[in-house]
Each structure stands twice: as C-alpha cells, then as structure tokens.
Amino acid sequence: MFGYGADTVSGRSLADLGLWVHDAARIRFESAVARTGSVLGLEVCLRHEDGTDFDCLASAERVEIGSEAFALMVLQDITERKHTEREMFEAVEAVMADTSWFSRGLIEKLANLRRPGTDHKDGIVPNVSVRERQILDLICQGLGDEAIAKRLNLSRNAVRNHAASLYPKLDVHKRSEAIVWGRNNGFLLRDLSK
C-alpha cells in the first residue's frame, strides 16, 4: 500500500521509515499501544514512499512472540472519505458564515461537525458505529433500554447488545461511566425532569 519493499521496512522502526506525516500522532499512537496494549480506529495521516499522503484508520494490538514484544497493526485507507468530509466541512463553513436564520441547536450541531472528537483523551476517538452513537446520545439523555428501543425501533436485546459493544470502545464498564464519558466528550446531557 505504501510502496515499501520488505527489505526497506525489515528491522526499522515507524520513526525510521518516515511513514507518519505528523510525528506527534506517531508518538501518541506508540504511547497508547505501550500504555494500554491496543489502539482502535485512530485517524492518522501516513506517507507513501513517493510522497503521497494517505488518511488511514490505524488499529494495533500488542503481541508477544517468544520474549519479544511487537505491535500488530491494521490500516484502513479512508482517504476518499476524508476528502468527502473536507468538502462537507467547507460547505458547512460557507453556511456558517451567515447563521442568522439557524436555530441555536443546529448551530451547535454544525460546530460539533467541524471538530469531531476534539475532547477525547489522547486524541483517540473510538471507532463506534452510527447506531452506537445514537444509543450513547440517548443514554446521555437519561433514557433506559426500553425507551431507547422504542425511539430507535429496536428490541431491548438489540439495545443491550449495541451498548455491550459500545462500552469497551469507550473504556467504560457501565451506563453511569458511559454518561460521564459522553459529558466529557461533547454529548449533551438533558434534564428530563422538566
């Protein structure tokens, strides 16, 4: 994918290869793998041997072979998706230039689109599905499984299954921790008693 042959990469570190466009992202990635043993879905920019940049989702898991530690990495090319996102953000910027006719809520949602995941620790945004994000939003609104199931037209078991796959991605173990994570990362909490 990056044009390097085995003879070029064998025995060399990520820093030596110059694969990472932003050295700070490489350091953050390596630190997260060293600290937690894995990284899931970190957006990074990597460089092809010919100088072309690729936007990728990088995931890694620490593995041991014999007495040596390695990182098993999986990269997904998202260059086209990121190009489309940039075009969308430019359109949002143009629309945001004249916000006189927008509601406050819509302006906040558009502003959040322009800076997704900026509050997450280490800059690592979990790779959650659209459905998991919907469920997290409804959990942060204080809804229980039955109310979420009705709102999303799902079974209660489906809601529980989505929540069960969501929690490890957020590094939480229960609903209250997910609510705290949501509050700290821009999900709006609503007082349902009013």
N, C-alpha and C. Protein backbone atom coordinates (compact mmCIF):
# COMPACT_ATOMS: atom_id res chain seq x y z
N MET A 1 0.82 -1.20 0.00
CA MET A 1 0.00 0.00 0.00
C MET A 1 0.86 1.26 0.00
N PHE A 2 1.99 1.21 0.69
CA PHE A 2 2.82 2.40 0.81
C PHE A 2 4.07 2.36 -0.08
N GLY A 3 4.20 1.31 -0.88
CA GLY A 3 5.28 1.25 -1.84
C GLY A 3 6.61 0.76 -1.31
N TYR A 4 6.69 0.44 -0.03
CA TYR A 4 7.94 -0.03 0.55
C TYR A 4 8.07 -1.54 0.39
N GLY A 5 9.26 -2.00 0.03
CA GLY A 5 9.51 -3.42 -0.03
C GLY A 5 9.92 -3.95 1.32
N ALA A 6 9.90 -5.28 1.48
CA ALA A 6 10.26 -5.91 2.75
C ALA A 6 11.67 -5.54 3.16
N ASP A 7 12.58 -5.43 2.19
CA ASP A 7 13.97 -5.09 2.51
C ASP A 7 14.09 -3.67 3.07
N THR A 8 13.16 -2.79 2.71
CA THR A 8 13.18 -1.41 3.19
C THR A 8 12.66 -1.30 4.61
N VAL A 9 11.64 -2.09 4.97
CA VAL A 9 11.00 -1.95 6.28
C VAL A 9 11.53 -2.90 7.33
N SER A 10 12.10 -4.01 6.94
CA SER A 10 12.52 -5.03 7.88
C SER A 10 13.58 -4.47 8.84
N GLY A 11 13.29 -4.59 10.14
CA GLY A 11 14.23 -4.16 11.16
C GLY A 11 14.22 -2.67 11.44
N ARG A 12 13.31 -1.93 10.83
CA ARG A 12 13.26 -0.47 11.04
C ARG A 12 12.02 -0.10 11.84
N SER A 13 12.13 0.94 12.65
CA SER A 13 11.00 1.40 13.45
C SER A 13 10.11 2.30 12.61
N LEU A 14 8.92 2.60 13.16
CA LEU A 14 8.00 3.51 12.47
C LEU A 14 8.64 4.89 12.28
N ALA A 15 9.40 5.32 13.28
CA ALA A 15 10.05 6.63 13.19
C ALA A 15 11.10 6.64 12.08
N ASP A 16 11.85 5.53 11.95
CA ASP A 16 12.90 5.45 10.92
C ASP A 16 12.32 5.49 9.51
N LEU A 17 11.15 4.90 9.32
CA LEU A 17 10.55 4.83 7.98
C LEU A 17 10.05 6.18 7.48
N GLY A 18 9.69 7.06 8.39
CA GLY A 18 9.10 8.33 7.96
C GLY A 18 7.71 8.15 7.40
N LEU A 19 7.05 7.08 7.83
CA LEU A 19 5.71 6.75 7.35
C LEU A 19 4.67 7.74 7.86
N TRP A 20 4.87 8.27 9.06
CA TRP A 20 3.89 9.15 9.70
C TRP A 20 4.13 10.58 9.24
N VAL A 21 3.09 11.23 8.78
CA VAL A 21 3.19 12.62 8.35
C VAL A 21 3.42 13.53 9.56
N HIS A 22 2.73 13.24 10.65
CA HIS A 22 2.83 14.04 11.87
C HIS A 22 3.47 13.20 12.96
N ASP A 23 4.68 13.57 13.35
CA ASP A 23 5.41 12.81 14.35
C ASP A 23 4.67 12.74 15.68
N ALA A 24 3.95 13.81 16.04
CA ALA A 24 3.19 13.81 17.30
C ALA A 24 2.13 12.71 17.30
N ALA A 25 1.50 12.46 16.15
CA ALA A 25 0.48 11.40 16.05
C ALA A 25 1.14 10.04 16.24
N ARG A 26 2.33 9.85 15.67
CA ARG A 26 3.05 8.58 15.84
C ARG A 26 3.39 8.36 17.31
N ILE A 27 3.88 9.40 17.97
CA ILE A 27 4.24 9.28 19.38
C ILE A 27 3.02 8.96 20.23
N ARG A 28 1.89 9.63 19.94
CA ARG A 28 0.64 9.38 20.67
C ARG A 28 0.18 7.94 20.45
N PHE A 29 0.28 7.47 19.20
CA PHE A 29 -0.10 6.11 18.85
C PHE A 29 0.77 5.10 19.60
N GLU A 30 2.09 5.26 19.53
CA GLU A 30 3.02 4.34 20.18
C GLU A 30 2.82 4.35 21.70
N SER A 31 2.59 5.53 22.27
CA SER A 31 2.38 5.64 23.72
C SER A 31 1.11 4.91 24.14
N ALA A 32 0.05 5.06 23.34
CA ALA A 32 -1.22 4.40 23.66
C ALA A 32 -1.06 2.88 23.61
N VAL A 33 -0.35 2.37 22.60
CA VAL A 33 -0.13 0.92 22.49
C VAL A 33 0.70 0.43 23.68
N ALA A 34 1.75 1.20 24.04
CA ALA A 34 2.60 0.80 25.17
C ALA A 34 1.82 0.83 26.48
N ARG A 35 0.95 1.84 26.64
CA ARG A 35 0.23 2.02 27.90
C ARG A 35 -0.93 1.04 28.05
N THR A 36 -1.75 0.90 27.00
CA THR A 36 -2.98 0.10 27.12
C THR A 36 -2.91 -1.24 26.40
N GLY A 37 -1.93 -1.41 25.53
CA GLY A 37 -1.81 -2.67 24.79
C GLY A 37 -2.55 -2.68 23.48
N SER A 38 -3.37 -1.64 23.22
CA SER A 38 -4.09 -1.61 21.94
C SER A 38 -4.56 -0.20 21.62
N VAL A 39 -4.82 0.01 20.36
CA VAL A 39 -5.43 1.25 19.86
C VAL A 39 -6.47 0.81 18.84
N LEU A 40 -7.64 1.45 18.87
CA LEU A 40 -8.70 1.08 17.95
C LEU A 40 -9.16 2.30 17.16
N GLY A 41 -8.94 2.29 15.87
CA GLY A 41 -9.51 3.29 14.97
C GLY A 41 -8.99 4.70 15.13
N LEU A 42 -7.69 4.88 15.32
CA LEU A 42 -7.11 6.22 15.40
C LEU A 42 -6.92 6.75 13.98
N GLU A 43 -7.46 7.95 13.71
CA GLU A 43 -7.27 8.56 12.40
C GLU A 43 -5.87 9.14 12.34
N VAL A 44 -5.10 8.72 11.34
CA VAL A 44 -3.73 9.19 11.16
C VAL A 44 -3.49 9.49 9.68
N CYS A 45 -2.47 10.27 9.44
CA CYS A 45 -2.06 10.56 8.07
C CYS A 45 -0.70 9.92 7.86
N LEU A 46 -0.61 9.02 6.87
CA LEU A 46 0.63 8.30 6.58
C LEU A 46 1.11 8.64 5.18
N ARG A 47 2.41 8.50 4.95
CA ARG A 47 3.02 8.92 3.69
C ARG A 47 3.50 7.71 2.88
N HIS A 48 3.13 7.69 1.61
CA HIS A 48 3.60 6.70 0.65
C HIS A 48 5.07 6.99 0.35
N GLU A 49 5.77 5.99 -0.12
CA GLU A 49 7.18 6.15 -0.47
C GLU A 49 7.40 7.26 -1.49
N ASP A 50 6.40 7.49 -2.38
CA ASP A 50 6.54 8.53 -3.39
C ASP A 50 6.15 9.93 -2.89
N GLY A 51 5.79 10.03 -1.59
CA GLY A 51 5.45 11.33 -1.02
C GLY A 51 3.96 11.62 -0.93
N THR A 52 3.11 10.77 -1.50
CA THR A 52 1.67 10.94 -1.43
C THR A 52 1.18 10.63 -0.01
N ASP A 53 0.27 11.45 0.50
CA ASP A 53 -0.28 11.23 1.84
C ASP A 53 -1.57 10.43 1.77
N PHE A 54 -1.76 9.52 2.74
CA PHE A 54 -2.97 8.72 2.87
C PHE A 54 -3.58 9.00 4.24
N ASP A 55 -4.90 9.19 4.29
CA ASP A 55 -5.61 9.22 5.56
C ASP A 55 -6.00 7.78 5.87
N CYS A 56 -5.71 7.35 7.10
CA CYS A 56 -5.97 5.96 7.48
C CYS A 56 -6.59 5.88 8.86
N LEU A 57 -7.31 4.80 9.09
CA LEU A 57 -7.70 4.40 10.44
C LEU A 57 -6.69 3.35 10.86
N ALA A 58 -5.98 3.62 11.95
CA ALA A 58 -4.96 2.70 12.42
C ALA A 58 -5.43 2.03 13.71
N SER A 59 -5.32 0.72 13.73
CA SER A 59 -5.59 -0.05 14.92
C SER A 59 -4.38 -0.92 15.19
N ALA A 60 -4.11 -1.19 16.44
CA ALA A 60 -2.96 -2.03 16.77
C ALA A 60 -3.22 -2.78 18.06
N GLU A 61 -2.58 -3.93 18.16
CA GLU A 61 -2.66 -4.76 19.36
C GLU A 61 -1.24 -5.21 19.68
N ARG A 62 -0.86 -5.09 20.94
CA ARG A 62 0.47 -5.53 21.37
C ARG A 62 0.47 -7.06 21.40
N VAL A 63 1.47 -7.67 20.78
CA VAL A 63 1.60 -9.13 20.78
C VAL A 63 3.03 -9.49 21.18
N GLU A 64 3.17 -10.65 21.77
CA GLU A 64 4.49 -11.14 22.14
C GLU A 64 4.79 -12.40 21.37
N ILE A 65 5.96 -12.43 20.77
CA ILE A 65 6.42 -13.62 20.06
C ILE A 65 7.73 -14.01 20.73
N GLY A 66 7.68 -15.13 21.40
CA GLY A 66 8.82 -15.52 22.22
C GLY A 66 8.97 -14.51 23.34
N SER A 67 10.14 -13.93 23.46
CA SER A 67 10.37 -12.95 24.52
C SER A 67 10.32 -11.52 24.00
N GLU A 68 9.97 -11.35 22.71
CA GLU A 68 9.95 -10.01 22.12
C GLU A 68 8.53 -9.49 21.96
N ALA A 69 8.37 -8.18 22.16
CA ALA A 69 7.06 -7.53 22.01
C ALA A 69 6.98 -6.84 20.66
N PHE A 70 5.83 -6.97 20.02
CA PHE A 70 5.57 -6.36 18.72
C PHE A 70 4.20 -5.70 18.75
N ALA A 71 3.93 -4.90 17.76
CA ALA A 71 2.59 -4.34 17.59
C ALA A 71 2.05 -4.85 16.25
N LEU A 72 0.92 -5.53 16.29
CA LEU A 72 0.24 -5.99 15.08
C LEU A 72 -0.68 -4.86 14.66
N MET A 73 -0.41 -4.26 13.50
CA MET A 73 -1.17 -3.10 13.04
C MET A 73 -2.07 -3.45 11.88
N VAL A 74 -3.25 -2.81 11.86
CA VAL A 74 -4.18 -2.91 10.75
C VAL A 74 -4.48 -1.48 10.32
N LEU A 75 -4.34 -1.22 9.02
CA LEU A 75 -4.59 0.11 8.49
C LEU A 75 -5.72 0.04 7.48
N GLN A 76 -6.63 0.99 7.57
CA GLN A 76 -7.73 1.09 6.60
C GLN A 76 -7.62 2.44 5.90
N ASP A 77 -7.51 2.43 4.59
CA ASP A 77 -7.39 3.67 3.81
C ASP A 77 -8.75 4.37 3.79
N ILE A 78 -8.80 5.57 4.35
CA ILE A 78 -10.03 6.37 4.37
C ILE A 78 -9.82 7.71 3.66
N THR A 79 -8.85 7.74 2.75
CA THR A 79 -8.51 8.99 2.06
C THR A 79 -9.71 9.58 1.34
N GLU A 80 -10.44 8.76 0.62
CA GLU A 80 -11.59 9.26 -0.14
C GLU A 80 -12.67 9.79 0.80
N ARG A 81 -12.92 9.06 1.89
CA ARG A 81 -13.92 9.51 2.87
C ARG A 81 -13.52 10.84 3.48
N LYS A 82 -12.23 10.99 3.83
CA LYS A 82 -11.75 12.24 4.43
C LYS A 82 -11.85 13.39 3.43
N HIS A 83 -11.61 13.11 2.16
CA HIS A 83 -11.76 14.14 1.12
C HIS A 83 -13.21 14.61 1.07
N THR A 84 -14.14 13.66 1.11
CA THR A 84 -15.57 13.99 1.11
C THR A 84 -15.93 14.79 2.36
N GLU A 85 -15.39 14.38 3.52
CA GLU A 85 -15.65 15.11 4.76
C GLU A 85 -15.14 16.55 4.66
N ARG A 86 -13.93 16.71 4.11
CA ARG A 86 -13.38 18.06 3.98
C ARG A 86 -14.27 18.93 3.11
N GLU A 87 -14.78 18.36 2.02
CA GLU A 87 -15.70 19.11 1.16
C GLU A 87 -16.97 19.49 1.92
N MET A 88 -17.47 18.54 2.74
CA MET A 88 -18.66 18.83 3.53
C MET A 88 -18.38 19.95 4.54
N PHE A 89 -17.21 19.87 5.21
CA PHE A 89 -16.87 20.89 6.19
C PHE A 89 -16.73 22.27 5.54
N GLU A 90 -16.18 22.30 4.33
CA GLU A 90 -16.08 23.57 3.61
C GLU A 90 -17.47 24.13 3.34
N ALA A 91 -18.40 23.24 2.97
CA ALA A 91 -19.78 23.68 2.74
C ALA A 91 -20.40 24.17 4.05
N VAL A 92 -20.13 23.47 5.15
CA VAL A 92 -20.64 23.90 6.46
C VAL A 92 -20.06 25.27 6.81
N GLU A 93 -18.76 25.46 6.57
CA GLU A 93 -18.12 26.75 6.83
C GLU A 93 -18.82 27.86 6.05
N ALA A 94 -19.13 27.60 4.78
CA ALA A 94 -19.79 28.60 3.96
C ALA A 94 -21.17 28.94 4.52
N VAL A 95 -21.90 27.91 4.94
CA VAL A 95 -23.23 28.12 5.52
C VAL A 95 -23.12 28.85 6.86
N MET A 96 -22.10 28.47 7.66
CA MET A 96 -21.93 29.08 8.98
C MET A 96 -21.57 30.56 8.89
N ALA A 97 -21.09 31.00 7.73
CA ALA A 97 -20.74 32.41 7.58
C ALA A 97 -21.97 33.30 7.77
N ASP A 98 -23.16 32.79 7.46
CA ASP A 98 -24.38 33.55 7.68
C ASP A 98 -25.35 32.68 8.48
N THR A 99 -25.26 32.77 9.81
CA THR A 99 -26.06 31.91 10.67
C THR A 99 -27.32 32.59 11.19
N SER A 100 -27.68 33.70 10.62
CA SER A 100 -28.79 34.47 11.17
C SER A 100 -30.12 33.71 11.14
N TRP A 101 -30.26 32.75 10.24
CA TRP A 101 -31.53 32.05 10.14
C TRP A 101 -31.51 30.66 10.78
N PHE A 102 -30.38 30.28 11.44
CA PHE A 102 -30.27 28.98 12.10
C PHE A 102 -30.75 29.02 13.53
N SER A 103 -31.27 27.90 14.00
CA SER A 103 -31.58 27.78 15.42
C SER A 103 -30.27 27.54 16.17
N ARG A 104 -30.26 27.85 17.45
CA ARG A 104 -29.06 27.66 18.27
C ARG A 104 -28.62 26.19 18.27
N GLY A 105 -29.58 25.27 18.40
CA GLY A 105 -29.26 23.84 18.42
C GLY A 105 -28.59 23.38 17.14
N LEU A 106 -29.08 23.85 16.01
CA LEU A 106 -28.48 23.46 14.74
C LEU A 106 -27.07 24.03 14.61
N ILE A 107 -26.86 25.26 15.06
CA ILE A 107 -25.53 25.86 15.01
C ILE A 107 -24.55 25.03 15.84
N GLU A 108 -24.98 24.58 17.04
CA GLU A 108 -24.11 23.76 17.88
C GLU A 108 -23.78 22.44 17.21
N LYS A 109 -24.77 21.82 16.56
CA LYS A 109 -24.51 20.55 15.87
C LYS A 109 -23.54 20.74 14.71
N LEU A 110 -23.71 21.81 13.94
CA LEU A 110 -22.79 22.09 12.84
C LEU A 110 -21.39 22.39 13.37
N ALA A 111 -21.29 23.11 14.45
CA ALA A 111 -19.99 23.42 15.04
C ALA A 111 -19.31 22.13 15.51
N ASN A 112 -20.08 21.20 16.08
CA ASN A 112 -19.50 19.93 16.51
C ASN A 112 -19.04 19.10 15.32
N LEU A 113 -19.70 19.22 14.19
CA LEU A 113 -19.25 18.52 12.98
C LEU A 113 -17.88 19.00 12.55
N ARG A 114 -17.61 20.30 12.75
CA ARG A 114 -16.34 20.86 12.31
C ARG A 114 -15.18 20.40 13.17
N ARG A 115 -15.43 19.94 14.38
CA ARG A 115 -14.35 19.50 15.26
C ARG A 115 -14.73 18.21 16.00
N PRO A 116 -14.94 17.12 15.27
CA PRO A 116 -15.36 15.88 15.93
C PRO A 116 -14.26 15.32 16.81
N GLY A 117 -14.66 14.86 18.01
CA GLY A 117 -13.74 14.13 18.86
C GLY A 117 -12.60 14.93 19.44
N THR A 118 -12.67 16.26 19.43
CA THR A 118 -11.53 17.04 19.90
C THR A 118 -11.33 16.93 21.39
N ASP A 119 -12.36 16.54 22.13
CA ASP A 119 -12.22 16.48 23.58
C ASP A 119 -11.74 15.12 24.08
N HIS A 120 -11.65 14.13 23.21
CA HIS A 120 -11.31 12.80 23.70
C HIS A 120 -9.84 12.73 24.10
N LYS A 121 -9.57 12.07 25.22
CA LYS A 121 -8.20 11.97 25.72
C LYS A 121 -7.29 11.34 24.67
N ASP A 122 -6.06 11.80 24.63
CA ASP A 122 -5.04 11.34 23.69
C ASP A 122 -5.42 11.58 22.24
N GLY A 123 -6.51 12.27 21.95
CA GLY A 123 -6.94 12.49 20.58
C GLY A 123 -7.42 11.23 19.90
N ILE A 124 -7.62 10.15 20.65
CA ILE A 124 -8.02 8.87 20.06
C ILE A 124 -9.52 8.75 20.17
N VAL A 125 -10.17 8.77 19.05
CA VAL A 125 -11.63 8.68 19.01
C VAL A 125 -12.00 7.23 18.78
N PRO A 126 -12.87 6.69 19.62
CA PRO A 126 -13.24 5.29 19.43
C PRO A 126 -13.97 5.07 18.10
N ASN A 127 -13.80 3.92 17.55
CA ASN A 127 -14.42 3.57 16.28
C ASN A 127 -15.81 3.01 16.55
N VAL A 128 -16.77 3.91 16.79
CA VAL A 128 -18.13 3.47 17.11
C VAL A 128 -19.02 3.63 15.90
N SER A 129 -20.01 2.77 15.80
CA SER A 129 -20.94 2.81 14.68
C SER A 129 -21.95 3.94 14.88
N VAL A 130 -22.69 4.24 13.83
CA VAL A 130 -23.74 5.26 13.90
C VAL A 130 -24.77 4.85 14.95
N ARG A 131 -25.15 3.59 14.95
CA ARG A 131 -26.15 3.11 15.91
C ARG A 131 -25.63 3.25 17.34
N GLU A 132 -24.35 2.92 17.57
CA GLU A 132 -23.77 3.06 18.91
C GLU A 132 -23.76 4.52 19.34
N ARG A 133 -23.48 5.43 18.41
CA ARG A 133 -23.51 6.87 18.75
C ARG A 133 -24.93 7.29 19.12
N GLN A 134 -25.93 6.78 18.37
CA GLN A 134 -27.32 7.10 18.69
C GLN A 134 -27.67 6.61 20.09
N ILE A 135 -27.25 5.40 20.39
CA ILE A 135 -27.55 4.83 21.71
C ILE A 135 -26.83 5.61 22.80
N LEU A 136 -25.58 6.00 22.58
CA LEU A 136 -24.86 6.80 23.56
C LEU A 136 -25.56 8.13 23.78
N ASP A 137 -26.02 8.75 22.72
CA ASP A 137 -26.73 10.03 22.85
C ASP A 137 -27.99 9.86 23.70
N LEU A 138 -28.74 8.79 23.46
CA LEU A 138 -29.97 8.55 24.22
C LEU A 138 -29.68 8.15 25.67
N ILE A 139 -28.59 7.42 25.89
CA ILE A 139 -28.18 7.12 27.26
C ILE A 139 -27.86 8.42 27.99
N CYS A 140 -27.16 9.33 27.31
CA CYS A 140 -26.80 10.61 27.91
C CYS A 140 -28.03 11.48 28.16
N GLN A 141 -29.10 11.22 27.44
CA GLN A 141 -30.35 11.94 27.68
C GLN A 141 -31.12 11.35 28.86
N GLY A 142 -30.61 10.24 29.41
CA GLY A 142 -31.24 9.64 30.57
C GLY A 142 -32.26 8.58 30.26
N LEU A 143 -32.34 8.13 29.01
CA LEU A 143 -33.33 7.12 28.65
C LEU A 143 -32.84 5.72 29.02
N GLY A 144 -33.77 4.87 29.42
CA GLY A 144 -33.47 3.48 29.72
C GLY A 144 -33.56 2.62 28.46
N ASP A 145 -33.23 1.36 28.60
CA ASP A 145 -33.21 0.45 27.44
C ASP A 145 -34.55 0.40 26.71
N GLU A 146 -35.64 0.33 27.46
CA GLU A 146 -36.96 0.22 26.83
C GLU A 146 -37.29 1.48 26.02
N ALA A 147 -37.01 2.66 26.58
CA ALA A 147 -37.28 3.91 25.87
C ALA A 147 -36.38 4.05 24.65
N ILE A 148 -35.13 3.63 24.77
CA ILE A 148 -34.21 3.68 23.62
C ILE A 148 -34.70 2.73 22.54
N ALA A 149 -35.14 1.54 22.94
CA ALA A 149 -35.66 0.56 21.98
C ALA A 149 -36.84 1.14 21.21
N LYS A 150 -37.76 1.79 21.93
CA LYS A 150 -38.93 2.39 21.25
C LYS A 150 -38.49 3.50 20.31
N ARG A 151 -37.60 4.37 20.78
CA ARG A 151 -37.16 5.52 19.98
C ARG A 151 -36.46 5.08 18.69
N LEU A 152 -35.65 4.01 18.77
CA LEU A 152 -34.88 3.56 17.61
C LEU A 152 -35.52 2.38 16.88
N ASN A 153 -36.72 1.98 17.34
CA ASN A 153 -37.44 0.86 16.74
C ASN A 153 -36.59 -0.42 16.74
N LEU A 154 -36.03 -0.71 17.92
CA LEU A 154 -35.21 -1.90 18.12
C LEU A 154 -35.80 -2.73 19.25
N SER A 155 -35.33 -3.94 19.38
CA SER A 155 -35.70 -4.74 20.56
C SER A 155 -34.80 -4.32 21.72
N ARG A 156 -35.25 -4.63 22.94
CA ARG A 156 -34.42 -4.31 24.11
C ARG A 156 -33.10 -5.07 24.05
N ASN A 157 -33.15 -6.32 23.55
CA ASN A 157 -31.91 -7.09 23.43
C ASN A 157 -30.94 -6.44 22.46
N ALA A 158 -31.45 -5.88 21.36
CA ALA A 158 -30.58 -5.20 20.40
C ALA A 158 -29.92 -3.99 21.04
N VAL A 159 -30.69 -3.25 21.84
CA VAL A 159 -30.13 -2.09 22.54
C VAL A 159 -29.03 -2.55 23.49
N ARG A 160 -29.29 -3.61 24.25
CA ARG A 160 -28.29 -4.13 25.19
C ARG A 160 -27.03 -4.59 24.44
N ASN A 161 -27.22 -5.26 23.29
CA ASN A 161 -26.07 -5.74 22.52
C ASN A 161 -25.23 -4.57 21.99
N HIS A 162 -25.90 -3.53 21.48
CA HIS A 162 -25.16 -2.36 20.99
C HIS A 162 -24.42 -1.69 22.14
N ALA A 163 -25.07 -1.56 23.30
CA ALA A 163 -24.42 -0.95 24.46
C ALA A 163 -23.23 -1.80 24.91
N ALA A 164 -23.40 -3.11 24.88
CA ALA A 164 -22.31 -4.00 25.29
C ALA A 164 -21.10 -3.88 24.36
N SER A 165 -21.32 -3.64 23.07
CA SER A 165 -20.19 -3.45 22.16
C SER A 165 -19.63 -2.02 22.25
N LEU A 166 -20.46 -1.08 22.69
CA LEU A 166 -20.04 0.31 22.83
C LEU A 166 -19.12 0.51 24.04
N TYR A 167 -19.46 -0.07 25.17
CA TYR A 167 -18.73 0.19 26.41
C TYR A 167 -17.23 -0.07 26.30
N PRO A 168 -16.79 -1.21 25.75
CA PRO A 168 -15.34 -1.41 25.66
C PRO A 168 -14.65 -0.38 24.75
N LYS A 169 -15.35 0.09 23.75
CA LYS A 169 -14.77 1.09 22.85
C LYS A 169 -14.54 2.41 23.58
N LEU A 170 -15.37 2.69 24.58
CA LEU A 170 -15.23 3.91 25.37
C LEU A 170 -14.36 3.68 26.59
N ASP A 171 -13.96 2.43 26.83
CA ASP A 171 -13.19 2.03 28.00
C ASP A 171 -13.99 2.29 29.27
N VAL A 172 -15.28 1.92 29.22
CA VAL A 172 -16.15 2.03 30.39
C VAL A 172 -16.79 0.66 30.63
N HIS A 173 -17.39 0.50 31.82
CA HIS A 173 -17.95 -0.80 32.17
C HIS A 173 -19.44 -0.77 32.47
N LYS A 174 -19.98 0.43 32.66
CA LYS A 174 -21.41 0.50 32.98
C LYS A 174 -21.99 1.81 32.46
N ARG A 175 -23.31 1.90 32.51
CA ARG A 175 -24.06 3.03 31.96
C ARG A 175 -23.62 4.37 32.57
N SER A 176 -23.44 4.42 33.87
CA SER A 176 -23.07 5.70 34.50
C SER A 176 -21.72 6.19 34.01
N GLU A 177 -20.78 5.25 33.77
CA GLU A 177 -19.47 5.64 33.23
C GLU A 177 -19.61 6.12 31.79
N ALA A 178 -20.52 5.52 31.03
CA ALA A 178 -20.76 5.97 29.65
C ALA A 178 -21.32 7.39 29.65
N ILE A 179 -22.19 7.69 30.61
CA ILE A 179 -22.77 9.04 30.70
C ILE A 179 -21.67 10.06 31.01
N VAL A 180 -20.78 9.71 31.94
CA VAL A 180 -19.66 10.61 32.26
C VAL A 180 -18.77 10.79 31.03
N TRP A 181 -18.48 9.69 30.32
CA TRP A 181 -17.66 9.78 29.11
C TRP A 181 -18.36 10.69 28.10
N GLY A 182 -19.66 10.52 27.93
CA GLY A 182 -20.41 11.34 26.99
C GLY A 182 -20.36 12.81 27.35
N ARG A 183 -20.53 13.12 28.64
CA ARG A 183 -20.47 14.51 29.08
C ARG A 183 -19.09 15.12 28.79
N ASN A 184 -18.05 14.34 29.04
CA ASN A 184 -16.68 14.84 28.84
C ASN A 184 -16.31 14.96 27.37
N ASN A 185 -17.11 14.36 26.49
CA ASN A 185 -16.75 14.35 25.08
C ASN A 185 -17.83 14.97 24.19
N GLY A 186 -18.60 15.86 24.76
CA GLY A 186 -19.49 16.68 23.94
C GLY A 186 -20.89 16.17 23.72
N PHE A 187 -21.28 15.06 24.33
CA PHE A 187 -22.66 14.61 24.20
C PHE A 187 -23.47 15.42 25.21
N LEU A 188 -24.57 15.99 24.74
CA LEU A 188 -25.37 16.86 25.59
C LEU A 188 -26.19 16.04 26.57
N LEU A 189 -26.13 16.42 27.83
CA LEU A 189 -26.95 15.78 28.85
C LEU A 189 -28.18 16.65 29.06
N ARG A 190 -29.34 16.04 29.14
CA ARG A 190 -30.57 16.79 29.28
C ARG A 190 -31.26 16.44 30.59
N ASP A 191 -31.85 17.45 31.21
CA ASP A 191 -32.62 17.23 32.44
C ASP A 191 -34.03 16.85 32.02
N LEU A 192 -34.39 15.57 32.17
CA LEU A 192 -35.69 15.08 31.72
C LEU A 192 -36.80 15.36 32.72
N SER A 193 -36.46 15.92 33.88
CA SER A 193 -37.49 16.19 34.88
C SER A 193 -38.30 17.44 34.57
N LYS A 194 -37.83 18.25 33.61
CA LYS A 194 -38.52 19.50 33.26
C LYS A 194 -39.50 19.28 32.14
